PDB file of N, CA and C in Angstrom:
ATOM      1  N   UNK A   1       0.840  -1.176   0.000  1.00  0.00           N
ATOM      2  CA  UNK A   1       0.000   0.000   0.000  1.00  0.00           C
ATOM      3  C   UNK A   1       0.892   1.249   0.000  1.00  0.00           C
ATOM      4  N   UNK A   2       0.572   2.192  -0.845  1.00  0.00           N
ATOM      5  CA  UNK A   2       1.343   3.426  -0.919  1.00  0.00           C
ATOM      6  C   UNK A   2       0.650   4.514  -0.115  1.00  0.00           C
ATOM      7  N   UNK A   3       1.436   5.262   0.623  1.00  0.00           N
ATOM      8  CA  UNK A   3       0.910   6.400   1.368  1.00  0.00           C
ATOM      9  C   UNK A   3       1.698   7.649   1.009  1.00  0.00           C
ATOM     10  N   UNK A   4       1.048   8.783   1.118  1.00  0.00           N
ATOM     11  CA  UNK A   4       1.696  10.073   0.881  1.00  0.00           C
ATOM     12  C   UNK A   4       1.423  10.980   2.062  1.00  0.00           C
ATOM     13  N   UNK A   5       2.449  11.697   2.496  1.00  0.00           N
ATOM     14  CA  UNK A   5       2.320  12.690   3.555  1.00  0.00           C
ATOM     15  C   UNK A   5       2.848  14.009   3.015  1.00  0.00           C
ATOM     16  N   UNK A   6       2.159  15.087   3.314  1.00  0.00           N
ATOM     17  CA  UNK A   6       2.540  16.406   2.826  1.00  0.00           C
ATOM     18  C   UNK A   6       2.961  17.270   4.014  1.00  0.00           C
ATOM     19  N   UNK A   7       4.076  18.004   3.850  1.00  0.00           N
ATOM     20  CA  UNK A   7       4.595  18.848   4.922  1.00  0.00           C
ATOM     21  C   UNK A   7       5.108  20.163   4.362  1.00  0.00           C
ATOM     22  N   UNK A   8       5.503  21.049   5.244  1.00  0.00           N
ATOM     23  CA  UNK A   8       6.132  22.332   4.879  1.00  0.00           C
ATOM     24  C   UNK A   8       5.309  23.094   3.844  1.00  0.00           C
ATOM     25  N   UNK A   9       4.179  23.585   4.253  1.00  0.00           N
ATOM     26  CA  UNK A   9       3.258  24.248   3.339  1.00  0.00           C
ATOM     27  C   UNK A   9       3.653  25.695   3.044  1.00  0.00           C
ATOM     28  N   UNK A  10       3.350  26.144   1.806  1.00  0.00           N
ATOM     29  CA  UNK A  10       3.545  27.531   1.381  1.00  0.00           C
ATOM     30  C   UNK A  10       2.218  28.068   0.868  1.00  0.00           C
ATOM     31  N   UNK A  11       1.965  29.353   1.091  1.00  0.00           N
ATOM     32  CA  UNK A  11       0.755  30.002   0.584  1.00  0.00           C
ATOM     33  C   UNK A  11       1.118  30.812  -0.650  1.00  0.00           C
ATOM     34  N   UNK A  12       0.416  30.518  -1.764  1.00  0.00           N
ATOM     35  CA  UNK A  12       0.645  31.204  -3.032  1.00  0.00           C
ATOM     36  C   UNK A  12      -0.701  31.714  -3.525  1.00  0.00           C
ATOM     37  N   UNK A  13      -0.815  33.017  -3.704  1.00  0.00           N
ATOM     38  CA  UNK A  13      -2.070  33.641  -4.152  1.00  0.00           C
ATOM     39  C   UNK A  13      -3.249  33.199  -3.294  1.00  0.00           C
ATOM     40  N   UNK A  14      -3.030  33.056  -2.007  1.00  0.00           N
ATOM     41  CA  UNK A  14      -4.096  32.701  -1.079  1.00  0.00           C
ATOM     42  C   UNK A  14      -4.426  31.219  -1.015  1.00  0.00           C
ATOM     43  N   UNK A  15      -3.707  30.380  -1.756  1.00  0.00           N
ATOM     44  CA  UNK A  15      -3.934  28.932  -1.756  1.00  0.00           C
ATOM     45  C   UNK A  15      -2.730  28.254  -1.111  1.00  0.00           C
ATOM     46  N   UNK A  16      -2.991  27.292  -0.226  1.00  0.00           N
ATOM     47  CA  UNK A  16      -1.916  26.601   0.478  1.00  0.00           C
ATOM     48  C   UNK A  16      -1.496  25.355  -0.304  1.00  0.00           C
ATOM     49  N   UNK A  17      -0.181  25.256  -0.577  1.00  0.00           N
ATOM     50  CA  UNK A  17       0.381  24.123  -1.302  1.00  0.00           C
ATOM     51  C   UNK A  17       1.485  23.486  -0.470  1.00  0.00           C
ATOM     52  N   UNK A  18       1.644  22.149  -0.582  1.00  0.00           N
ATOM     53  CA  UNK A  18       2.747  21.509   0.137  1.00  0.00           C
ATOM     54  C   UNK A  18       4.083  21.784  -0.551  1.00  0.00           C
ATOM     55  N   UNK A  19       5.131  21.953   0.249  1.00  0.00           N
ATOM     56  CA  UNK A  19       6.477  22.123  -0.298  1.00  0.00           C
ATOM     57  C   UNK A  19       7.201  20.783  -0.342  1.00  0.00           C
ATOM     58  N   UNK A  20       6.734  19.823   0.461  1.00  0.00           N
ATOM     59  CA  UNK A  20       7.370  18.508   0.519  1.00  0.00           C
ATOM     60  C   UNK A  20       6.310  17.420   0.547  1.00  0.00           C
ATOM     61  N   UNK A  21       6.557  16.359  -0.215  1.00  0.00           N
ATOM     62  CA  UNK A  21       5.694  15.169  -0.223  1.00  0.00           C
ATOM     63  C   UNK A  21       6.577  13.964   0.084  1.00  0.00           C
ATOM     64  N   UNK A  22       6.133  13.148   1.007  1.00  0.00           N
ATOM     65  CA  UNK A  22       6.858  11.920   1.355  1.00  0.00           C
ATOM     66  C   UNK A  22       5.974  10.743   0.964  1.00  0.00           C
ATOM     67  N   UNK A  23       6.442   9.938   0.004  1.00  0.00           N
ATOM     68  CA  UNK A  23       5.704   8.761  -0.457  1.00  0.00           C
ATOM     69  C   UNK A  23       6.371   7.516   0.109  1.00  0.00           C
ATOM     70  N   UNK A  24       5.560   6.623   0.666  1.00  0.00           N
ATOM     71  CA  UNK A  24       6.066   5.375   1.217  1.00  0.00           C
ATOM     72  C   UNK A  24       5.298   4.226   0.592  1.00  0.00           C
ATOM     73  N   UNK A  25       6.052   3.224   0.101  1.00  0.00           N
ATOM     74  CA  UNK A  25       5.461   2.028  -0.488  1.00  0.00           C
ATOM     75  C   UNK A  25       6.242   0.838   0.054  1.00  0.00           C
ATOM     76  N   UNK A  26       5.767   0.268   1.128  1.00  0.00           N
ATOM     77  CA  UNK A  26       6.496  -0.832   1.755  1.00  0.00           C
ATOM     78  C   UNK A  26       7.789  -0.314   2.358  1.00  0.00           C
ATOM     79  N   UNK A  27       8.923  -0.834   1.885  1.00  0.00           N
ATOM     80  CA  UNK A  27      10.216  -0.409   2.413  1.00  0.00           C
ATOM     81  C   UNK A  27      10.803   0.775   1.642  1.00  0.00           C
ATOM     82  N   UNK A  28      10.219   1.112   0.485  1.00  0.00           N
ATOM     83  CA  UNK A  28      10.718   2.229  -0.308  1.00  0.00           C
ATOM     84  C   UNK A  28      10.111   3.539   0.180  1.00  0.00           C
ATOM     85  N   UNK A  29      10.956   4.571   0.223  1.00  0.00           N
ATOM     86  CA  UNK A  29      10.504   5.881   0.665  1.00  0.00           C
ATOM     87  C   UNK A  29      11.067   6.933  -0.286  1.00  0.00           C
ATOM     88  N   UNK A  30      10.211   7.851  -0.743  1.00  0.00           N
ATOM     89  CA  UNK A  30      10.635   8.915  -1.653  1.00  0.00           C
ATOM     90  C   UNK A  30      10.268  10.263  -1.054  1.00  0.00           C
ATOM     91  N   UNK A  31      11.210  11.200  -1.115  1.00  0.00           N
ATOM     92  CA  UNK A  31      10.958  12.574  -0.705  1.00  0.00           C
ATOM     93  C   UNK A  31      10.928  13.442  -1.958  1.00  0.00           C
ATOM     94  N   UNK A  32       9.843  14.180  -2.133  1.00  0.00           N
ATOM     95  CA  UNK A  32       9.682  15.054  -3.286  1.00  0.00           C
ATOM     96  C   UNK A  32       9.579  16.482  -2.771  1.00  0.00           C
ATOM     97  N   UNK A  33      10.430  17.367  -3.292  1.00  0.00           N
ATOM     98  CA  UNK A  33      10.403  18.777  -2.905  1.00  0.00           C
ATOM     99  C   UNK A  33       9.868  19.601  -4.066  1.00  0.00           C
ATOM    100  N   UNK A  34       8.826  20.365  -3.806  1.00  0.00           N
ATOM    101  CA  UNK A  34       8.256  21.256  -4.811  1.00  0.00           C
ATOM    102  C   UNK A  34       8.868  22.636  -4.617  1.00  0.00           C
ATOM    103  N   UNK A  35       9.496  23.160  -5.656  1.00  0.00           N
ATOM    104  CA  UNK A  35      10.158  24.458  -5.545  1.00  0.00           C
ATOM    105  C   UNK A  35       9.327  25.596  -6.119  1.00  0.00           C
ATOM    106  N   UNK A  36       8.337  25.269  -6.980  1.00  0.00           N
ATOM    107  CA  UNK A  36       7.479  26.318  -7.528  1.00  0.00           C
ATOM    108  C   UNK A  36       6.171  25.719  -8.031  1.00  0.00           C
ATOM    109  N   UNK A  37       5.179  26.548  -8.090  1.00  0.00           N
ATOM    110  CA  UNK A  37       3.881  26.199  -8.653  1.00  0.00           C
ATOM    111  C   UNK A  37       3.506  27.294  -9.637  1.00  0.00           C
ATOM    112  N   UNK A  38       2.835  26.918 -10.719  1.00  0.00           N
ATOM    113  CA  UNK A  38       2.318  27.896 -11.668  1.00  0.00           C
ATOM    114  C   UNK A  38       0.805  27.813 -11.643  1.00  0.00           C
ATOM    115  N   UNK A  39       0.166  28.911 -11.290  1.00  0.00           N
ATOM    116  CA  UNK A  39      -1.289  28.958 -11.182  1.00  0.00           C
ATOM    117  C   UNK A  39      -1.858  29.473 -12.503  1.00  0.00           C
ATOM    118  N   UNK A  40      -2.787  28.715 -13.082  1.00  0.00           N
ATOM    119  CA  UNK A  40      -3.455  29.083 -14.331  1.00  0.00           C
ATOM    120  C   UNK A  40      -2.468  29.505 -15.428  1.00  0.00           C
ATOM    121  N   UNK A  41      -1.601  28.592 -15.854  1.00  0.00           N
ATOM    122  CA  UNK A  41      -0.643  28.948 -16.910  1.00  0.00           C
ATOM    123  C   UNK A  41      -1.345  29.148 -18.254  1.00  0.00           C
ATOM    124  N   UNK A  42      -0.713  29.912 -19.124  1.00  0.00           N
ATOM    125  CA  UNK A  42      -1.239  30.101 -20.480  1.00  0.00           C
ATOM    126  C   UNK A  42      -0.763  28.951 -21.355  1.00  0.00           C
ATOM    127  N   UNK A  43      -1.703  28.309 -22.051  1.00  0.00           N
ATOM    128  CA  UNK A  43      -1.382  27.225 -22.973  1.00  0.00           C
ATOM    129  C   UNK A  43      -1.691  27.673 -24.390  1.00  0.00           C
ATOM    130  N   UNK A  44      -0.920  27.168 -25.345  1.00  0.00           N
ATOM    131  CA  UNK A  44      -1.203  27.407 -26.757  1.00  0.00           C
ATOM    132  C   UNK A  44      -1.745  26.113 -27.358  1.00  0.00           C
ATOM    133  N   UNK A  45      -2.262  26.185 -28.567  1.00  0.00           N
ATOM    134  CA  UNK A  45      -2.760  24.983 -29.242  1.00  0.00           C
ATOM    135  C   UNK A  45      -1.640  23.962 -29.424  1.00  0.00           C
ATOM    136  N   UNK A  46      -0.403  24.425 -29.632  1.00  0.00           N
ATOM    137  CA  UNK A  46       0.729  23.519 -29.816  1.00  0.00           C
ATOM    138  C   UNK A  46       1.029  22.687 -28.566  1.00  0.00           C
ATOM    139  N   UNK A  47       0.649  23.174 -27.406  1.00  0.00           N
ATOM    140  CA  UNK A  47       0.877  22.420 -26.175  1.00  0.00           C
ATOM    141  C   UNK A  47       0.086  21.108 -26.162  1.00  0.00           C
ATOM    142  N   UNK A  48      -0.956  21.004 -26.964  1.00  0.00           N
ATOM    143  CA  UNK A  48      -1.821  19.827 -26.969  1.00  0.00           C
ATOM    144  C   UNK A  48      -1.499  18.877 -28.120  1.00  0.00           C
ATOM    145  N   UNK A  49      -0.478  19.212 -28.939  1.00  0.00           N
ATOM    146  CA  UNK A  49      -0.084  18.338 -30.060  1.00  0.00           C
ATOM    147  C   UNK A  49       0.510  17.028 -29.527  1.00  0.00           C
ATOM    148  N   UNK A  50       0.257  15.951 -30.240  1.00  0.00           N
ATOM    149  CA  UNK A  50       0.838  14.659 -29.894  1.00  0.00           C
ATOM    150  C   UNK A  50       2.294  14.662 -30.343  1.00  0.00           C
ATOM    151  N   UNK A  51       3.230  14.338 -29.461  1.00  0.00           N
ATOM    152  CA  UNK A  51       4.641  14.359 -29.846  1.00  0.00           C
ATOM    153  C   UNK A  51       4.951  13.313 -30.917  1.00  0.00           C
ATOM    154  N   UNK A  52       5.911  13.625 -31.787  1.00  0.00           N
ATOM    155  CA  UNK A  52       6.351  12.674 -32.815  1.00  0.00           C
ATOM    156  C   UNK A  52       7.135  11.550 -32.148  1.00  0.00           C
ATOM    157  N   UNK A  53       6.991  10.355 -32.692  1.00  0.00           N
ATOM    158  CA  UNK A  53       7.721   9.200 -32.140  1.00  0.00           C
ATOM    159  C   UNK A  53       9.043   9.013 -32.777  1.00  0.00           C
TER     160      UNK A  53
END
């Protein structure tokens, strides 16, 4: 079973986001650090193109 714990929260534009996520799956443990968030980014039509193989 995988679990996730969120710590070290930051407030960006009035919304609270975690700065750190700790994922545990049995004996494996991963620490993920979020350094930035982009709120409502601008996308172009090209962003939705299927990449060439």
